[in-house]
Amino acid sequence: MGSSHDIQVLMGEVRIGRGEDVLRAILGSCVGIGLLWRARGLYGLAHCLLPEAPTPTLAIGAKYVTQAVPSLLALMKADGARRSEIEAVIAGGGNMMPHQPPARHGLIGVANARMAQTLIAATGIPIIHVEVGGEVGRQLTIDCAHHAFHVRAIGSNGSAAVPRRPALRLVEGEP
């Protein structure tokens, strides 16, 4: 077996992995959306900055959650597939400036997480793990060879952190 191929998924990027690939994103208020298609050995990770594009776009990318979800599905050729075989994980959406009042539109991390959950749910893809909110960053890792994912809370110096506030799962009707 060969060595793993580490792929850092940067802000605004969407990447696909298979085989020995390991997809990673370091997230603050950004949200990471991972799709795991274990039956096909195909995985995707999007690193989204903002919830919604000001105008609809068909370009492949992940600057916006509304762009990332269709991009992941297109790159994984999952448009006509049995989406019930695919699983989703969502992480990030933290409040990285807890001592500052929220912007007039609210916390961007919360908006990112809410949009990700809404759009993934609309695709019919089951969401198997959500770790969003709180006041910490997170690293989302998808290990394609082992068909696994891991979410780790990280502090400002990159070390493991214990969230000061619990992570939350946003549900419909929640502010």
C-alpha atoms as a PDB file:
ATOM      1  CA  MET A   1       0.000   0.000   0.000  1.00  0.00           C
ATOM      2  CA  GLY A   2       1.364   3.446  -0.926  1.00  0.00           C
ATOM      3  CA  SER A   3       1.613   6.493   1.266  1.00  0.00           C
ATOM      4  CA  SER A   4      -1.359   8.803   1.663  1.00  0.00           C
ATOM      5  CA  HIS A   5      -1.740  11.923  -0.441  1.00  0.00           C
ATOM      6  CA  ASP A   6      -2.648  14.865   1.814  1.00  0.00           C
ATOM      7  CA  ILE A   7      -4.908  17.412   0.095  1.00  0.00           C
ATOM      8  CA  GLN A   8      -5.454  20.706   1.913  1.00  0.00           C
ATOM      9  CA  VAL A   9      -8.825  22.129   0.879  1.00  0.00           C
ATOM     10  CA  LEU A  10      -8.435  25.897   1.076  1.00  0.00           C
ATOM     11  CA  MET A  11     -11.124  28.563   1.438  1.00  0.00           C
ATOM     12  CA  GLY A  12     -13.432  28.586  -1.550  1.00  0.00           C
ATOM     13  CA  GLU A  13     -12.193  25.227  -2.854  1.00  0.00           C
ATOM     14  CA  VAL A  14     -14.006  21.990  -3.518  1.00  0.00           C
ATOM     15  CA  ARG A  15     -11.890  18.850  -3.906  1.00  0.00           C
ATOM     16  CA  ILE A  16     -12.581  15.203  -4.657  1.00  0.00           C
ATOM     17  CA  GLY A  17     -10.568  12.310  -3.237  1.00  0.00           C
ATOM     18  CA  ARG A  18     -10.265   8.551  -3.602  1.00  0.00           C
ATOM     19  CA  GLY A  19      -7.781   5.793  -2.885  1.00  0.00           C
ATOM     20  CA  GLU A  20      -5.010   6.972  -0.555  1.00  0.00           C
ATOM     21  CA  ASP A  21      -6.139  10.637  -0.536  1.00  0.00           C
ATOM     22  CA  VAL A  22      -6.715  12.445   2.753  1.00  0.00           C
ATOM     23  CA  LEU A  23      -8.824  15.603   2.399  1.00  0.00           C
ATOM     24  CA  ARG A  24      -8.391  18.277   5.098  1.00  0.00           C
ATOM     25  CA  ALA A  25      -9.873  21.687   5.812  1.00  0.00           C
ATOM     26  CA  ILE A  26      -9.159  23.992   8.735  1.00  0.00           C
ATOM     27  CA  LEU A  27     -12.349  25.869   9.542  1.00  0.00           C
ATOM     28  CA  GLY A  28     -13.273  28.868  11.660  1.00  0.00           C
ATOM     29  CA  SER A  29     -16.526  30.584  10.730  1.00  0.00           C
ATOM     30  CA  CYS A  30     -16.258  28.815   7.362  1.00  0.00           C
ATOM     31  CA  VAL A  31     -18.172  25.586   7.042  1.00  0.00           C
ATOM     32  CA  GLY A  32     -16.835  22.337   5.654  1.00  0.00           C
ATOM     33  CA  ILE A  33     -19.185  20.027   3.798  1.00  0.00           C
ATOM     34  CA  GLY A  34     -17.956  16.483   3.322  1.00  0.00           C
ATOM     35  CA  LEU A  35     -19.658  13.912   1.129  1.00  0.00           C
ATOM     36  CA  LEU A  36     -18.769  10.254   1.634  1.00  0.00           C
ATOM     37  CA  TRP A  37     -19.725   7.773  -1.071  1.00  0.00           C
ATOM     38  CA  ARG A  38     -18.215   4.715   0.555  1.00  0.00           C
ATOM     39  CA  ALA A  39     -19.725   2.213  -1.913  1.00  0.00           C
ATOM     40  CA  ARG A  40     -17.834   3.902  -4.761  1.00  0.00           C
ATOM     41  CA  GLY A  41     -14.760   4.917  -2.754  1.00  0.00           C
ATOM     42  CA  LEU A  42     -15.379   8.550  -3.716  1.00  0.00           C
ATOM     43  CA  TYR A  43     -15.238  11.500  -1.322  1.00  0.00           C
ATOM     44  CA  GLY A  44     -15.649  15.261  -1.583  1.00  0.00           C
ATOM     45  CA  LEU A  45     -14.895  18.228   0.645  1.00  0.00           C
ATOM     46  CA  ALA A  46     -15.931  21.859   0.199  1.00  0.00           C
ATOM     47  CA  HIS A  47     -14.590  24.782   2.284  1.00  0.00           C
ATOM     48  CA  CYS A  48     -17.272  27.512   2.208  1.00  0.00           C
ATOM     49  CA  LEU A  49     -16.813  31.144   3.263  1.00  0.00           C
ATOM     50  CA  LEU A  50     -20.342  32.515   2.913  1.00  0.00           C
ATOM     51  CA  PRO A  51     -23.842  31.052   2.905  1.00  0.00           C
ATOM     52  CA  GLU A  52     -25.318  32.399  -0.325  1.00  0.00           C
ATOM     53  CA  ALA A  53     -24.016  33.811  -3.603  1.00  0.00           C
ATOM     54  CA  PRO A  54     -25.406  37.274  -4.432  1.00  0.00           C
ATOM     55  CA  THR A  55     -26.314  35.950  -7.891  1.00  0.00           C
ATOM     56  CA  PRO A  56     -26.718  32.307  -8.918  1.00  0.00           C
ATOM     57  CA  THR A  57     -23.611  30.734 -10.446  1.00  0.00           C
ATOM     58  CA  LEU A  58     -22.956  27.502 -12.302  1.00  0.00           C
ATOM     59  CA  ALA A  59     -19.186  27.741 -11.780  1.00  0.00           C
ATOM     60  CA  ILE A  60     -17.527  24.933  -9.835  1.00  0.00           C
ATOM     61  CA  GLY A  61     -16.329  26.240  -6.484  1.00  0.00           C
ATOM     62  CA  ALA A  62     -17.096  26.628  -2.812  1.00  0.00           C
ATOM     63  CA  LYS A  63     -16.916  30.310  -1.937  1.00  0.00           C
ATOM     64  CA  TYR A  64     -20.629  30.037  -1.165  1.00  0.00           C
ATOM     65  CA  VAL A  65     -22.545  27.110   0.331  1.00  0.00           C
ATOM     66  CA  THR A  66     -25.127  27.561  -2.450  1.00  0.00           C
ATOM     67  CA  GLN A  67     -22.311  26.995  -4.964  1.00  0.00           C
ATOM     68  CA  ALA A  68     -20.543  24.198  -3.080  1.00  0.00           C
ATOM     69  CA  VAL A  69     -23.363  21.676  -2.799  1.00  0.00           C
ATOM     70  CA  PRO A  70     -24.101  21.520  -6.560  1.00  0.00           C
ATOM     71  CA  SER A  71     -20.343  21.564  -7.260  1.00  0.00           C
ATOM     72  CA  LEU A  72     -19.734  18.537  -5.030  1.00  0.00           C
ATOM     73  CA  LEU A  73     -22.604  16.634  -6.634  1.00  0.00           C
ATOM     74  CA  ALA A  74     -21.405  17.475 -10.160  1.00  0.00           C
ATOM     75  CA  LEU A  75     -17.767  16.547  -9.482  1.00  0.00           C
ATOM     76  CA  MET A  76     -18.831  13.278  -7.864  1.00  0.00           C
ATOM     77  CA  LYS A  77     -21.214  12.623 -10.775  1.00  0.00           C
ATOM     78  CA  ALA A  78     -23.990  12.161  -8.252  1.00  0.00           C
ATOM     79  CA  ASP A  79     -26.700  14.053 -10.105  1.00  0.00           C
ATOM     80  CA  GLY A  80     -28.631  10.946 -11.142  1.00  0.00           C
ATOM     81  CA  ALA A  81     -27.131   8.604  -8.589  1.00  0.00           C
ATOM     82  CA  ARG A  82     -28.822   6.921  -5.707  1.00  0.00           C
ATOM     83  CA  ARG A  83     -28.057   9.682  -3.247  1.00  0.00           C
ATOM     84  CA  SER A  84     -29.069   7.497  -0.325  1.00  0.00           C
ATOM     85  CA  GLU A  85     -25.652   5.802  -0.766  1.00  0.00           C
ATOM     86  CA  ILE A  86     -23.914   9.110  -0.026  1.00  0.00           C
ATOM     87  CA  GLU A  87     -23.500  10.482   3.500  1.00  0.00           C
ATOM     88  CA  ALA A  88     -22.759  14.052   4.548  1.00  0.00           C
ATOM     89  CA  VAL A  89     -20.746  15.552   7.377  1.00  0.00           C
ATOM     90  CA  ILE A  90     -20.794  19.248   8.260  1.00  0.00           C
ATOM     91  CA  ALA A  91     -18.281  21.026  10.495  1.00  0.00           C
ATOM     92  CA  GLY A  92     -17.126  24.549  11.299  1.00  0.00           C
ATOM     93  CA  GLY A  93     -19.366  27.563  11.552  1.00  0.00           C
ATOM     94  CA  GLY A  94     -17.701  28.786  14.725  1.00  0.00           C
ATOM     95  CA  ASN A  95     -17.796  32.252  16.239  1.00  0.00           C
ATOM     96  CA  MET A  96     -14.145  33.228  15.982  1.00  0.00           C
ATOM     97  CA  MET A  97     -14.651  36.715  17.464  1.00  0.00           C
ATOM     98  CA  PRO A  98     -16.739  36.041  20.578  1.00  0.00           C
ATOM     99  CA  HIS A  99     -15.927  39.360  22.244  1.00  0.00           C
ATOM    100  CA  GLN A 100     -17.278  41.441  19.380  1.00  0.00           C
ATOM    101  CA  PRO A 101     -20.971  42.031  18.802  1.00  0.00           C
ATOM    102  CA  PRO A 102     -22.427  40.100  15.859  1.00  0.00           C
ATOM    103  CA  ALA A 103     -22.786  41.881  12.524  1.00  0.00           C
ATOM    104  CA  ARG A 104     -26.225  43.269  11.815  1.00  0.00           C
ATOM    105  CA  HIS A 105     -26.934  40.170   9.697  1.00  0.00           C
ATOM    106  CA  GLY A 106     -25.998  37.822  12.565  1.00  0.00           C
ATOM    107  CA  LEU A 107     -23.080  35.462  12.982  1.00  0.00           C
ATOM    108  CA  ILE A 108     -21.663  34.301   9.642  1.00  0.00           C
ATOM    109  CA  GLY A 109     -20.707  30.899  11.053  1.00  0.00           C
ATOM    110  CA  VAL A 110     -24.289  30.209  12.137  1.00  0.00           C
ATOM    111  CA  ALA A 111     -25.606  31.322   8.731  1.00  0.00           C
ATOM    112  CA  ASN A 112     -23.072  29.086   6.942  1.00  0.00           C
ATOM    113  CA  ALA A 113     -23.978  26.050   9.061  1.00  0.00           C
ATOM    114  CA  ARG A 114     -27.713  26.606   8.679  1.00  0.00           C
ATOM    115  CA  MET A 115     -27.455  26.949   4.881  1.00  0.00           C
ATOM    116  CA  ALA A 116     -25.284  23.817   4.603  1.00  0.00           C
ATOM    117  CA  GLN A 117     -27.766  21.723   6.578  1.00  0.00           C
ATOM    118  CA  THR A 118     -30.735  23.083   4.642  1.00  0.00           C
ATOM    119  CA  LEU A 119     -29.215  22.447   1.208  1.00  0.00           C
ATOM    120  CA  ILE A 120     -27.854  18.990   2.016  1.00  0.00           C
ATOM    121  CA  ALA A 121     -31.217  17.962   3.494  1.00  0.00           C
ATOM    122  CA  ALA A 122     -32.918  19.142   0.282  1.00  0.00           C
ATOM    123  CA  THR A 123     -30.748  16.750  -1.786  1.00  0.00           C
ATOM    124  CA  GLY A 124     -31.988  13.717   0.140  1.00  0.00           C
ATOM    125  CA  ILE A 125     -28.448  12.893   1.279  1.00  0.00           C
ATOM    126  CA  PRO A 126     -28.441  11.792   4.930  1.00  0.00           C
ATOM    127  CA  ILE A 127     -26.410  13.995   7.274  1.00  0.00           C
ATOM    128  CA  ILE A 128     -24.570  11.617   9.606  1.00  0.00           C
ATOM    129  CA  HIS A 129     -22.543  14.123  11.630  1.00  0.00           C
ATOM    130  CA  VAL A 130     -22.819  17.835  12.416  1.00  0.00           C
ATOM    131  CA  GLU A 131     -20.268  19.662  14.556  1.00  0.00           C
ATOM    132  CA  VAL A 132     -20.826  23.401  14.239  1.00  0.00           C
ATOM    133  CA  GLY A 133     -20.889  26.538  16.349  1.00  0.00           C
ATOM    134  CA  GLY A 134     -19.083  27.279  19.559  1.00  0.00           C
ATOM    135  CA  GLU A 135     -16.011  29.486  19.821  1.00  0.00           C
ATOM    136  CA  VAL A 136     -13.329  27.209  18.377  1.00  0.00           C
ATOM    137  CA  GLY A 137     -11.972  26.340  14.983  1.00  0.00           C
ATOM    138  CA  ARG A 138     -12.128  22.808  13.673  1.00  0.00           C
ATOM    139  CA  GLN A 139     -10.237  20.559  11.333  1.00  0.00           C
ATOM    140  CA  LEU A 140     -12.366  18.265   9.167  1.00  0.00           C
ATOM    141  CA  THR A 141     -10.431  15.310   7.773  1.00  0.00           C
ATOM    142  CA  ILE A 142     -11.711  12.693   5.337  1.00  0.00           C
ATOM    143  CA  ASP A 143      -9.501   9.607   5.033  1.00  0.00           C
ATOM    144  CA  CYS A 144     -10.488   8.026   1.732  1.00  0.00           C
ATOM    145  CA  ALA A 145      -8.492   4.806   2.210  1.00  0.00           C
ATOM    146  CA  HIS A 146     -10.194   4.058   5.524  1.00  0.00           C
ATOM    147  CA  HIS A 147     -13.619   5.385   4.456  1.00  0.00           C
ATOM    148  CA  ALA A 148     -13.648   7.588   7.553  1.00  0.00           C
ATOM    149  CA  PHE A 149     -13.887  11.191   8.712  1.00  0.00           C
ATOM    150  CA  HIS A 150     -12.732  12.993  11.829  1.00  0.00           C
ATOM    151  CA  VAL A 151     -13.551  16.424  13.268  1.00  0.00           C
ATOM    152  CA  ARG A 152     -11.092  17.912  15.741  1.00  0.00           C
ATOM    153  CA  ALA A 153     -11.530  21.176  17.654  1.00  0.00           C
ATOM    154  CA  ILE A 154      -8.447  23.396  17.401  1.00  0.00           C
ATOM    155  CA  GLY A 155      -7.362  26.463  19.357  1.00  0.00           C
ATOM    156  CA  SER A 156      -5.873  29.672  18.007  1.00  0.00           C
ATOM    157  CA  ASN A 157      -2.362  28.172  18.132  1.00  0.00           C
ATOM    158  CA  GLY A 158      -3.401  25.044  16.228  1.00  0.00           C
ATOM    159  CA  SER A 159      -3.505  22.854  19.340  1.00  0.00           C
ATOM    160  CA  ALA A 160      -6.431  20.706  20.335  1.00  0.00           C
ATOM    161  CA  ALA A 161      -9.018  22.772  22.156  1.00  0.00           C
ATOM    162  CA  VAL A 162     -11.969  22.144  24.399  1.00  0.00           C
ATOM    163  CA  PRO A 163     -14.936  24.184  23.179  1.00  0.00           C
ATOM    164  CA  ARG A 164     -15.891  26.979  25.579  1.00  0.00           C
ATOM    165  CA  ARG A 165     -19.452  26.635  24.389  1.00  0.00           C
ATOM    166  CA  PRO A 166     -20.917  23.378  23.180  1.00  0.00           C
ATOM    167  CA  ALA A 167     -21.230  22.734  19.482  1.00  0.00           C
ATOM    168  CA  LEU A 168     -24.772  22.915  18.222  1.00  0.00           C
ATOM    169  CA  ARG A 169     -26.930  21.270  15.663  1.00  0.00           C
ATOM    170  CA  LEU A 170     -29.137  23.806  13.996  1.00  0.00           C
ATOM    171  CA  VAL A 171     -32.676  22.701  13.458  1.00  0.00           C
ATOM    172  CA  GLU A 172     -35.494  24.233  11.513  1.00  0.00           C
ATOM    173  CA  GLY A 173     -37.184  27.035  13.390  1.00  0.00           C
ATOM    174  CA  GLU A 174     -34.163  27.735  15.596  1.00  0.00           C
ATOM    175  CA  PRO A 175     -33.020  31.392  15.590  1.00  0.00           C
END
